[in-house]
């Protein structure tokens, strides 16, 4: 009889091209890079969210773009969104760098972009002359 604990202590070499559990759920090849938006440099133009809406979203509180899914759009579509960015704030980075980039972003104090102030949320119409 074989001890079931061996399954947790035995290493299995990875075979090139064989499924290894690291493939994205949607069936594509494992992407070696991640999409990162430098929100401190973002001007909130929304171009990337229009070109690749499954990858980018405009964060509602700050009005800055953010990558919400790494597998939301094809690489070509993401690259097109990157190319439309007028301030070049979207980058391909190694996946391993994402936690450090997120920590660095969390330490920055970002101001909202182009959002109406709470005191001016209602539109006032001109008075009728009378």
N, C-alpha and C. Protein backbone atom coordinates (compact mmCIF):
# COMPACT_ATOMS: atom_id res chain seq x y z
N UNK A 1 0.84 -1.17 0.00
CA UNK A 1 0.00 0.00 0.00
C UNK A 1 0.90 1.24 0.00
N UNK A 2 0.49 2.26 -0.81
CA UNK A 2 1.26 3.49 -0.95
C UNK A 2 0.73 4.51 0.05
N UNK A 3 1.65 5.20 0.71
CA UNK A 3 1.30 6.22 1.69
C UNK A 3 0.79 7.47 0.96
N UNK A 4 -0.44 7.95 1.22
CA UNK A 4 -0.98 9.12 0.53
C UNK A 4 -0.18 10.40 0.83
N UNK A 5 0.56 10.45 1.90
CA UNK A 5 1.35 11.63 2.25
C UNK A 5 2.46 11.87 1.24
N UNK A 6 2.82 10.85 0.45
CA UNK A 6 3.85 11.01 -0.57
C UNK A 6 3.45 12.05 -1.62
N UNK A 7 2.16 12.21 -1.84
CA UNK A 7 1.70 13.17 -2.84
C UNK A 7 2.08 14.61 -2.47
N UNK A 8 2.26 14.86 -1.17
CA UNK A 8 2.60 16.20 -0.72
C UNK A 8 4.10 16.41 -0.56
N UNK A 9 4.86 15.37 -0.60
CA UNK A 9 6.31 15.52 -0.39
C UNK A 9 7.14 15.20 -1.62
N UNK A 10 6.53 14.65 -2.65
CA UNK A 10 7.26 14.29 -3.84
C UNK A 10 7.21 15.43 -4.85
N UNK A 11 8.37 15.81 -5.37
CA UNK A 11 8.38 16.87 -6.38
C UNK A 11 8.23 16.24 -7.76
N UNK A 12 7.50 16.96 -8.61
CA UNK A 12 7.27 16.49 -9.97
C UNK A 12 7.89 17.52 -10.91
N UNK A 13 8.79 17.08 -11.78
CA UNK A 13 9.40 18.04 -12.69
C UNK A 13 8.37 18.53 -13.71
N UNK A 14 8.44 19.84 -14.03
CA UNK A 14 7.55 20.41 -15.04
C UNK A 14 8.04 20.03 -16.42
N UNK A 15 7.12 19.58 -17.25
CA UNK A 15 7.44 19.20 -18.62
C UNK A 15 7.07 20.37 -19.52
N UNK A 16 7.99 20.80 -20.36
CA UNK A 16 7.75 21.92 -21.27
C UNK A 16 6.52 21.66 -22.14
N UNK A 17 5.57 22.61 -22.09
CA UNK A 17 4.37 22.51 -22.91
C UNK A 17 3.24 21.72 -22.28
N UNK A 18 3.51 21.00 -21.20
CA UNK A 18 2.46 20.22 -20.54
C UNK A 18 1.65 21.14 -19.62
N UNK A 19 0.34 20.88 -19.48
CA UNK A 19 -0.46 21.69 -18.56
C UNK A 19 0.11 21.61 -17.16
N UNK A 20 0.21 22.76 -16.48
CA UNK A 20 0.81 22.76 -15.15
C UNK A 20 -0.03 23.50 -14.13
N UNK A 21 -1.24 23.92 -14.49
CA UNK A 21 -2.09 24.62 -13.55
C UNK A 21 -1.87 26.12 -13.52
N UNK A 22 -0.90 26.62 -14.27
CA UNK A 22 -0.63 28.05 -14.29
C UNK A 22 -1.29 28.76 -15.46
N UNK A 23 -1.97 28.02 -16.34
CA UNK A 23 -2.59 28.64 -17.50
C UNK A 23 -3.82 29.42 -17.06
N UNK A 24 -4.10 30.56 -17.72
CA UNK A 24 -5.32 31.31 -17.39
C UNK A 24 -6.56 30.47 -17.62
N UNK A 25 -7.59 30.77 -16.88
CA UNK A 25 -8.84 30.02 -16.95
C UNK A 25 -9.42 30.03 -18.36
N UNK A 26 -9.24 31.14 -19.08
CA UNK A 26 -9.84 31.25 -20.40
C UNK A 26 -9.10 30.46 -21.46
N UNK A 27 -8.03 29.77 -21.09
CA UNK A 27 -7.38 28.86 -22.02
C UNK A 27 -6.21 29.41 -22.79
N UNK A 28 -5.79 30.61 -22.55
CA UNK A 28 -4.65 31.17 -23.26
C UNK A 28 -3.33 30.71 -22.66
N UNK A 29 -2.25 31.09 -23.30
CA UNK A 29 -0.93 30.79 -22.77
C UNK A 29 -0.66 31.70 -21.58
N UNK A 30 0.18 31.24 -20.69
CA UNK A 30 0.53 32.02 -19.52
C UNK A 30 1.24 33.29 -19.94
N UNK A 31 0.68 34.42 -19.59
CA UNK A 31 1.28 35.71 -19.93
C UNK A 31 2.41 35.98 -18.95
N UNK A 32 3.57 36.33 -19.45
CA UNK A 32 4.73 36.56 -18.61
C UNK A 32 4.80 38.00 -18.09
N UNK A 33 3.85 38.82 -18.50
CA UNK A 33 3.87 40.22 -18.11
C UNK A 33 2.50 40.64 -17.63
N UNK A 34 2.47 41.73 -16.90
CA UNK A 34 1.21 42.25 -16.37
C UNK A 34 1.04 43.69 -16.82
N UNK A 35 -0.20 44.15 -16.83
CA UNK A 35 -0.51 45.53 -17.19
C UNK A 35 -0.52 46.35 -15.91
N UNK A 36 0.17 47.48 -15.93
CA UNK A 36 0.21 48.38 -14.77
C UNK A 36 -0.09 49.80 -15.22
N UNK A 37 -1.01 50.46 -14.51
CA UNK A 37 -1.30 51.87 -14.76
C UNK A 37 -0.67 52.67 -13.63
N UNK A 38 0.21 53.59 -13.98
CA UNK A 38 0.79 54.50 -13.01
C UNK A 38 -0.26 55.58 -12.75
N UNK A 39 -1.08 55.34 -11.74
CA UNK A 39 -2.21 56.23 -11.48
C UNK A 39 -1.78 57.64 -11.10
N UNK A 40 -0.57 57.80 -10.57
CA UNK A 40 -0.08 59.12 -10.23
C UNK A 40 0.15 59.96 -11.48
N UNK A 41 0.45 59.32 -12.60
CA UNK A 41 0.69 60.03 -13.86
C UNK A 41 -0.57 60.12 -14.72
N UNK A 42 -1.58 59.31 -14.43
CA UNK A 42 -2.80 59.27 -15.23
C UNK A 42 -3.54 60.61 -15.16
N UNK A 43 -4.04 61.07 -16.31
CA UNK A 43 -4.80 62.32 -16.36
C UNK A 43 -6.30 62.09 -16.50
N UNK A 44 -6.73 60.83 -16.47
CA UNK A 44 -8.16 60.52 -16.52
C UNK A 44 -8.81 60.73 -17.86
N UNK A 45 -8.08 60.55 -18.94
CA UNK A 45 -8.64 60.78 -20.29
C UNK A 45 -9.65 59.71 -20.70
N UNK A 46 -9.59 58.53 -20.10
CA UNK A 46 -10.51 57.41 -20.35
C UNK A 46 -10.28 56.69 -21.68
N UNK A 47 -9.26 57.03 -22.44
CA UNK A 47 -9.03 56.38 -23.72
C UNK A 47 -8.83 54.87 -23.53
N UNK A 48 -8.02 54.48 -22.57
CA UNK A 48 -7.73 53.06 -22.38
C UNK A 48 -8.99 52.27 -22.05
N UNK A 49 -9.87 52.85 -21.22
CA UNK A 49 -11.11 52.18 -20.84
C UNK A 49 -12.06 52.04 -22.03
N UNK A 50 -11.96 52.94 -22.99
CA UNK A 50 -12.80 52.83 -24.19
C UNK A 50 -12.25 51.78 -25.16
N UNK A 51 -10.92 51.67 -25.23
CA UNK A 51 -10.30 50.73 -26.17
C UNK A 51 -10.32 49.30 -25.61
N UNK A 52 -10.01 49.14 -24.34
CA UNK A 52 -9.95 47.80 -23.72
C UNK A 52 -10.79 47.80 -22.44
N UNK A 53 -12.11 47.81 -22.59
CA UNK A 53 -12.98 47.95 -21.42
C UNK A 53 -12.99 46.76 -20.47
N UNK A 54 -12.52 45.61 -20.91
CA UNK A 54 -12.48 44.45 -20.02
C UNK A 54 -11.21 44.43 -19.17
N UNK A 55 -10.28 45.32 -19.48
CA UNK A 55 -9.03 45.39 -18.74
C UNK A 55 -8.95 46.63 -17.87
N UNK A 56 -9.41 47.77 -18.40
CA UNK A 56 -9.27 49.04 -17.70
C UNK A 56 -10.61 49.59 -17.27
N UNK A 57 -10.61 50.27 -16.13
CA UNK A 57 -11.78 50.97 -15.64
C UNK A 57 -11.30 52.28 -15.04
N UNK A 58 -12.16 53.29 -15.09
CA UNK A 58 -11.83 54.55 -14.45
C UNK A 58 -12.34 54.48 -13.02
N UNK A 59 -11.43 54.62 -12.09
CA UNK A 59 -11.74 54.52 -10.66
C UNK A 59 -12.67 55.67 -10.29
N UNK A 60 -13.84 55.39 -9.68
CA UNK A 60 -14.86 56.43 -9.50
C UNK A 60 -14.49 57.55 -8.54
N UNK A 61 -13.70 57.28 -7.52
CA UNK A 61 -13.39 58.32 -6.54
C UNK A 61 -12.29 59.28 -7.01
N UNK A 62 -11.31 58.76 -7.74
CA UNK A 62 -10.19 59.59 -8.16
C UNK A 62 -10.22 59.98 -9.63
N UNK A 63 -11.03 59.29 -10.43
CA UNK A 63 -11.11 59.60 -11.85
C UNK A 63 -9.90 59.16 -12.65
N UNK A 64 -9.14 58.22 -12.12
CA UNK A 64 -7.92 57.74 -12.79
C UNK A 64 -8.15 56.30 -13.26
N UNK A 65 -7.46 55.93 -14.31
CA UNK A 65 -7.61 54.60 -14.87
C UNK A 65 -6.90 53.56 -14.01
N UNK A 66 -7.42 52.34 -14.05
CA UNK A 66 -6.82 51.24 -13.28
C UNK A 66 -7.02 49.95 -14.07
N UNK A 67 -6.02 49.08 -14.06
CA UNK A 67 -6.15 47.76 -14.68
C UNK A 67 -6.85 46.85 -13.67
N UNK A 68 -8.01 46.34 -14.06
CA UNK A 68 -8.78 45.51 -13.13
C UNK A 68 -8.69 44.02 -13.45
N UNK A 69 -8.32 43.68 -14.70
CA UNK A 69 -8.16 42.28 -15.08
C UNK A 69 -6.96 42.16 -16.00
N UNK A 70 -6.14 41.19 -15.72
CA UNK A 70 -4.97 40.96 -16.56
C UNK A 70 -5.32 40.17 -17.81
N UNK A 71 -6.42 39.45 -17.78
CA UNK A 71 -6.81 38.62 -18.93
C UNK A 71 -8.11 39.12 -19.56
N UNK A 72 -8.43 40.39 -19.36
CA UNK A 72 -9.70 40.92 -19.84
C UNK A 72 -9.78 41.08 -21.34
N UNK A 73 -8.68 41.48 -21.97
CA UNK A 73 -8.65 41.70 -23.42
C UNK A 73 -7.40 41.04 -23.99
N UNK A 74 -7.39 40.88 -25.31
CA UNK A 74 -6.21 40.32 -25.98
C UNK A 74 -5.03 41.27 -25.82
N UNK A 75 -3.82 40.74 -25.90
CA UNK A 75 -2.61 41.55 -25.79
C UNK A 75 -2.60 42.69 -26.80
N UNK A 76 -3.06 42.42 -28.01
CA UNK A 76 -3.07 43.44 -29.05
C UNK A 76 -3.98 44.60 -28.68
N UNK A 77 -5.14 44.28 -28.10
CA UNK A 77 -6.10 45.32 -27.69
C UNK A 77 -5.52 46.13 -26.53
N UNK A 78 -4.88 45.45 -25.59
CA UNK A 78 -4.25 46.16 -24.46
C UNK A 78 -3.13 47.07 -24.96
N UNK A 79 -2.34 46.56 -25.91
CA UNK A 79 -1.26 47.38 -26.47
C UNK A 79 -1.82 48.60 -27.19
N UNK A 80 -2.94 48.42 -27.88
CA UNK A 80 -3.59 49.56 -28.54
C UNK A 80 -4.02 50.60 -27.51
N UNK A 81 -4.58 50.13 -26.40
CA UNK A 81 -4.97 51.06 -25.33
C UNK A 81 -3.75 51.79 -24.77
N UNK A 82 -2.65 51.06 -24.63
CA UNK A 82 -1.41 51.69 -24.14
C UNK A 82 -0.93 52.75 -25.12
N UNK A 83 -1.03 52.45 -26.41
CA UNK A 83 -0.57 53.39 -27.44
C UNK A 83 -1.44 54.65 -27.51
N UNK A 84 -2.71 54.56 -27.10
CA UNK A 84 -3.58 55.74 -27.13
C UNK A 84 -3.39 56.65 -25.93
N UNK A 85 -2.70 56.18 -24.91
CA UNK A 85 -2.51 56.97 -23.69
C UNK A 85 -1.64 58.20 -23.99
N UNK A 86 -2.19 59.40 -23.77
CA UNK A 86 -1.42 60.61 -24.11
C UNK A 86 -0.26 60.89 -23.16
N UNK A 87 -0.25 60.29 -21.97
CA UNK A 87 0.83 60.55 -21.02
C UNK A 87 1.70 59.32 -20.77
N UNK A 88 1.48 58.25 -21.53
CA UNK A 88 2.29 57.04 -21.44
C UNK A 88 2.41 56.52 -20.00
N UNK A 89 1.25 56.36 -19.34
CA UNK A 89 1.26 55.91 -17.95
C UNK A 89 0.89 54.43 -17.80
N UNK A 90 0.70 53.70 -18.91
CA UNK A 90 0.36 52.28 -18.86
C UNK A 90 1.56 51.49 -19.34
N UNK A 91 1.95 50.48 -18.56
CA UNK A 91 3.18 49.75 -18.86
C UNK A 91 2.99 48.24 -18.71
N UNK A 92 3.79 47.49 -19.47
CA UNK A 92 3.93 46.05 -19.23
C UNK A 92 5.00 45.90 -18.17
N UNK A 93 4.72 45.15 -17.12
CA UNK A 93 5.70 44.91 -16.05
C UNK A 93 5.70 43.42 -15.72
N UNK A 94 6.77 42.90 -15.13
CA UNK A 94 6.75 41.51 -14.68
C UNK A 94 5.70 41.32 -13.58
N UNK A 95 5.00 40.19 -13.58
CA UNK A 95 4.00 39.92 -12.56
C UNK A 95 4.57 40.07 -11.16
N UNK A 96 5.82 39.70 -10.99
CA UNK A 96 6.45 39.73 -9.67
C UNK A 96 6.55 41.15 -9.13
N UNK A 97 6.51 42.17 -10.01
CA UNK A 97 6.65 43.55 -9.58
C UNK A 97 5.33 44.16 -9.10
N UNK A 98 4.19 43.53 -9.39
CA UNK A 98 2.89 44.11 -9.06
C UNK A 98 2.71 44.42 -7.58
N UNK A 99 3.04 43.51 -6.65
CA UNK A 99 2.83 43.85 -5.23
C UNK A 99 3.62 45.08 -4.79
N UNK A 100 4.86 45.22 -5.23
CA UNK A 100 5.67 46.39 -4.86
C UNK A 100 5.10 47.66 -5.47
N UNK A 101 4.64 47.58 -6.72
CA UNK A 101 4.04 48.75 -7.37
C UNK A 101 2.75 49.17 -6.66
N UNK A 102 1.94 48.19 -6.25
CA UNK A 102 0.71 48.50 -5.54
C UNK A 102 0.98 49.12 -4.18
N UNK A 103 2.01 48.64 -3.48
CA UNK A 103 2.38 49.23 -2.19
C UNK A 103 2.85 50.68 -2.38
N UNK A 104 3.67 50.91 -3.41
CA UNK A 104 4.16 52.26 -3.67
C UNK A 104 3.00 53.21 -4.01
N UNK A 105 2.03 52.72 -4.77
CA UNK A 105 0.87 53.54 -5.12
C UNK A 105 0.05 53.85 -3.87
N UNK A 106 -0.12 52.88 -3.00
CA UNK A 106 -0.91 53.08 -1.78
C UNK A 106 -0.27 54.13 -0.86
N UNK A 107 1.03 54.30 -0.94
CA UNK A 107 1.72 55.29 -0.10
C UNK A 107 1.58 56.71 -0.64
N UNK A 108 1.14 56.87 -1.88
CA UNK A 108 1.01 58.19 -2.48
C UNK A 108 -0.37 58.78 -2.17
N UNK A 109 -0.42 60.08 -2.02
CA UNK A 109 -1.70 60.76 -1.82
C UNK A 109 -2.12 61.38 -3.14
N UNK A 110 -3.11 60.77 -3.77
CA UNK A 110 -3.58 61.24 -5.07
C UNK A 110 -4.82 62.10 -4.90
N UNK A 111 -4.90 63.14 -5.69
CA UNK A 111 -6.06 64.02 -5.68
C UNK A 111 -7.03 63.60 -6.78
N UNK A 112 -8.33 63.78 -6.57
CA UNK A 112 -9.31 63.44 -7.62
C UNK A 112 -9.12 64.31 -8.86
N UNK A 113 -9.41 63.72 -10.00
CA UNK A 113 -9.28 64.42 -11.28
C UNK A 113 -10.65 64.71 -11.87
N UNK A 114 -10.91 65.95 -12.19
CA UNK A 114 -12.08 66.32 -12.97
C UNK A 114 -13.42 65.90 -12.44
N UNK A 115 -13.52 65.65 -11.16
CA UNK A 115 -14.80 65.25 -10.59
C UNK A 115 -15.47 66.48 -10.00
N UNK A 116 -16.78 66.56 -10.07
CA UNK A 116 -17.46 67.73 -9.50
C UNK A 116 -17.31 67.75 -7.98
N UNK A 117 -17.18 68.93 -7.44
CA UNK A 117 -17.09 69.03 -5.98
C UNK A 117 -18.46 68.74 -5.39
N UNK A 118 -18.53 68.25 -4.15
CA UNK A 118 -19.84 67.92 -3.56
C UNK A 118 -20.78 69.13 -3.49
N UNK A 119 -20.24 70.34 -3.38
CA UNK A 119 -21.08 71.52 -3.28
C UNK A 119 -21.72 71.87 -4.62
N UNK A 120 -21.19 71.34 -5.74
CA UNK A 120 -21.70 71.70 -7.05
C UNK A 120 -22.24 70.49 -7.81
N UNK A 121 -22.86 69.58 -7.12
CA UNK A 121 -23.36 68.39 -7.80
C UNK A 121 -24.65 68.66 -8.57
N UNK A 122 -25.42 69.70 -8.17
CA UNK A 122 -26.65 70.04 -8.88
C UNK A 122 -26.38 71.12 -9.89
N UNK A 123 -26.98 71.00 -11.02
CA UNK A 123 -26.85 72.04 -12.04
C UNK A 123 -27.90 73.10 -11.77
N UNK A 124 -27.46 74.35 -11.77
CA UNK A 124 -28.43 75.43 -11.57
C UNK A 124 -28.74 76.07 -12.91
N UNK A 125 -30.00 76.28 -13.15
CA UNK A 125 -30.45 76.88 -14.40
C UNK A 125 -30.50 78.39 -14.25
N UNK A 126 -30.30 79.12 -15.33
CA UNK A 126 -30.40 80.59 -15.25
C UNK A 126 -31.82 81.01 -14.91
N UNK A 127 -31.91 82.10 -14.22
CA UNK A 127 -33.24 82.64 -13.86
C UNK A 127 -33.91 83.23 -15.09
N UNK A 128 -35.19 83.03 -15.16
CA UNK A 128 -35.97 83.62 -16.26
C UNK A 128 -36.10 85.12 -16.03
N UNK A 129 -35.87 85.85 -17.10
CA UNK A 129 -36.02 87.31 -16.95
C UNK A 129 -37.50 87.66 -16.93
N UNK A 130 -37.81 88.61 -16.08
CA UNK A 130 -39.11 88.79 -16.03
C UNK A 130 -40.06 89.73 -15.88
